[in-house]
Amino acid sequence: MGMTFEAVYENGVLRPLESLALPNMQHVLVTISGAPVTPDDVAGYFEPEEWEAAKHDDISLDEVRRALSSINGSLSDAAIASREER
């Protein structure tokens, strides 16, 4: 029998986010993998190396404002186009 479900780890216990059709005290083998990226989870948009490199960016607020003012259309369209270029 195999099944895939999402769970949350809290206070030392894995808690399924849905009801499981298992008898009480059923022993199971658990494989842990990363949770799927949700649309509001920005962490999934960048690789770990990109996050690490960003820690050392010394960008001023004025530089950000100048860069944002040069974007035609919506910021989300520009971000999507930038990701597609990679």
C-alpha atoms as a PDB file:
ATOM      1  CA  MET A   1       0.000   0.000   0.000  1.00  0.00           C
ATOM      2  CA  GLY A   2       1.351   3.438  -0.890  1.00  0.00           C
ATOM      3  CA  MET A   3       0.007   6.903  -0.287  1.00  0.00           C
ATOM      4  CA  THR A   4       1.287  10.434  -0.472  1.00  0.00           C
ATOM      5  CA  PHE A   5       0.046  13.203   1.779  1.00  0.00           C
ATOM      6  CA  GLU A   6       1.220  16.476   3.244  1.00  0.00           C
ATOM      7  CA  ALA A   7       2.006  16.750   6.927  1.00  0.00           C
ATOM      8  CA  VAL A   8       3.232  19.366   9.374  1.00  0.00           C
ATOM      9  CA  TYR A   9       5.960  18.678  11.914  1.00  0.00           C
ATOM     10  CA  GLU A  10       5.055  20.300  15.227  1.00  0.00           C
ATOM     11  CA  ASN A  11       6.164  19.595  18.766  1.00  0.00           C
ATOM     12  CA  GLY A  12       8.041  16.447  17.729  1.00  0.00           C
ATOM     13  CA  VAL A  13       5.102  14.877  15.863  1.00  0.00           C
ATOM     14  CA  LEU A  14       4.254  14.621  12.153  1.00  0.00           C
ATOM     15  CA  ARG A  15       0.601  15.646  11.792  1.00  0.00           C
ATOM     16  CA  PRO A  16      -1.131  14.798   8.484  1.00  0.00           C
ATOM     17  CA  LEU A  17      -3.078  17.643   6.911  1.00  0.00           C
ATOM     18  CA  GLU A  18      -5.825  15.219   5.881  1.00  0.00           C
ATOM     19  CA  SER A  19      -7.535  12.219   7.433  1.00  0.00           C
ATOM     20  CA  LEU A  20      -5.741   8.931   6.741  1.00  0.00           C
ATOM     21  CA  ALA A  21      -7.527   5.605   6.313  1.00  0.00           C
ATOM     22  CA  LEU A  22      -5.194   3.724   8.653  1.00  0.00           C
ATOM     23  CA  PRO A  23      -6.017   1.628  11.694  1.00  0.00           C
ATOM     24  CA  ASN A  24      -4.910   3.035  15.034  1.00  0.00           C
ATOM     25  CA  MET A  25      -1.280   2.159  15.922  1.00  0.00           C
ATOM     26  CA  GLN A  26      -0.541   1.110  12.304  1.00  0.00           C
ATOM     27  CA  HIS A  27       3.218   1.074  11.706  1.00  0.00           C
ATOM     28  CA  VAL A  28       4.273   2.857   8.507  1.00  0.00           C
ATOM     29  CA  LEU A  29       7.512   3.742   6.735  1.00  0.00           C
ATOM     30  CA  VAL A  30       7.855   7.494   6.240  1.00  0.00           C
ATOM     31  CA  THR A  31       9.927   9.191   3.533  1.00  0.00           C
ATOM     32  CA  ILE A  32      10.552  12.906   4.008  1.00  0.00           C
ATOM     33  CA  SER A  33      10.818  15.225   0.999  1.00  0.00           C
ATOM     34  CA  GLY A  34      10.511  18.969   0.653  1.00  0.00           C
ATOM     35  CA  ALA A  35       7.024  20.397   0.647  1.00  0.00           C
ATOM     36  CA  PRO A  36       5.674  21.606  -2.680  1.00  0.00           C
ATOM     37  CA  VAL A  37       6.055  25.302  -3.305  1.00  0.00           C
ATOM     38  CA  THR A  38       2.836  27.224  -2.902  1.00  0.00           C
ATOM     39  CA  PRO A  39       2.064  30.334  -4.971  1.00  0.00           C
ATOM     40  CA  ASP A  40       2.656  32.619  -1.969  1.00  0.00           C
ATOM     41  CA  ASP A  41       5.961  30.953  -1.006  1.00  0.00           C
ATOM     42  CA  VAL A  42       8.721  33.162  -2.426  1.00  0.00           C
ATOM     43  CA  ALA A  43      11.491  30.900  -1.135  1.00  0.00           C
ATOM     44  CA  GLY A  44      10.910  28.508  -4.030  1.00  0.00           C
ATOM     45  CA  TYR A  45      11.611  31.166  -6.649  1.00  0.00           C
ATOM     46  CA  PHE A  46      15.346  31.150  -5.955  1.00  0.00           C
ATOM     47  CA  GLU A  47      18.010  28.505  -5.555  1.00  0.00           C
ATOM     48  CA  PRO A  48      19.789  28.265  -2.154  1.00  0.00           C
ATOM     49  CA  GLU A  49      22.933  29.699  -3.758  1.00  0.00           C
ATOM     50  CA  GLU A  50      20.983  32.766  -4.907  1.00  0.00           C
ATOM     51  CA  TRP A  51      19.655  33.351  -1.384  1.00  0.00           C
ATOM     52  CA  GLU A  52      23.187  33.035   0.008  1.00  0.00           C
ATOM     53  CA  ALA A  53      24.612  35.491  -2.531  1.00  0.00           C
ATOM     54  CA  ALA A  54      21.810  37.954  -1.794  1.00  0.00           C
ATOM     55  CA  LYS A  55      22.922  38.175   1.844  1.00  0.00           C
ATOM     56  CA  HIS A  56      25.969  40.100   0.673  1.00  0.00           C
ATOM     57  CA  ASP A  57      24.175  42.562  -1.643  1.00  0.00           C
ATOM     58  CA  ASP A  58      24.663  46.169  -0.581  1.00  0.00           C
ATOM     59  CA  ILE A  59      21.865  47.770  -2.572  1.00  0.00           C
ATOM     60  CA  SER A  60      20.492  51.134  -1.496  1.00  0.00           C
ATOM     61  CA  LEU A  61      16.829  52.080  -1.471  1.00  0.00           C
ATOM     62  CA  ASP A  62      17.517  54.674  -4.189  1.00  0.00           C
ATOM     63  CA  GLU A  63      19.008  51.977  -6.435  1.00  0.00           C
ATOM     64  CA  VAL A  64      15.914  49.833  -5.950  1.00  0.00           C
ATOM     65  CA  ARG A  65      13.620  52.763  -6.731  1.00  0.00           C
ATOM     66  CA  ARG A  66      15.560  53.578  -9.932  1.00  0.00           C
ATOM     67  CA  ALA A  67      15.430  49.939 -11.062  1.00  0.00           C
ATOM     68  CA  LEU A  68      11.716  49.631 -10.338  1.00  0.00           C
ATOM     69  CA  SER A  69      10.897  52.858 -12.159  1.00  0.00           C
ATOM     70  CA  SER A  70      12.466  51.496 -15.345  1.00  0.00           C
ATOM     71  CA  ILE A  71      10.118  48.507 -15.526  1.00  0.00           C
ATOM     72  CA  ASN A  72       7.372  48.816 -18.120  1.00  0.00           C
ATOM     73  CA  GLY A  73       4.138  46.957 -17.392  1.00  0.00           C
ATOM     74  CA  SER A  74       3.669  44.996 -14.187  1.00  0.00           C
ATOM     75  CA  LEU A  75       6.403  43.903 -11.820  1.00  0.00           C
ATOM     76  CA  SER A  76       5.067  40.332 -11.857  1.00  0.00           C
ATOM     77  CA  ASP A  77       5.365  40.159 -15.671  1.00  0.00           C
ATOM     78  CA  ALA A  78       8.961  41.381 -15.443  1.00  0.00           C
ATOM     79  CA  ALA A  79       9.804  38.790 -12.766  1.00  0.00           C
ATOM     80  CA  ILE A  80       8.266  35.983 -14.836  1.00  0.00           C
ATOM     81  CA  ALA A  81      10.170  37.083 -17.943  1.00  0.00           C
ATOM     82  CA  SER A  82      13.411  37.232 -15.949  1.00  0.00           C
ATOM     83  CA  ARG A  83      12.912  33.679 -14.652  1.00  0.00           C
ATOM     84  CA  GLU A  84      12.157  32.406 -18.161  1.00  0.00           C
ATOM     85  CA  GLU A  85      15.410  33.913 -19.454  1.00  0.00           C
ATOM     86  CA  ARG A  86      17.473  31.783 -17.042  1.00  0.00           C
END
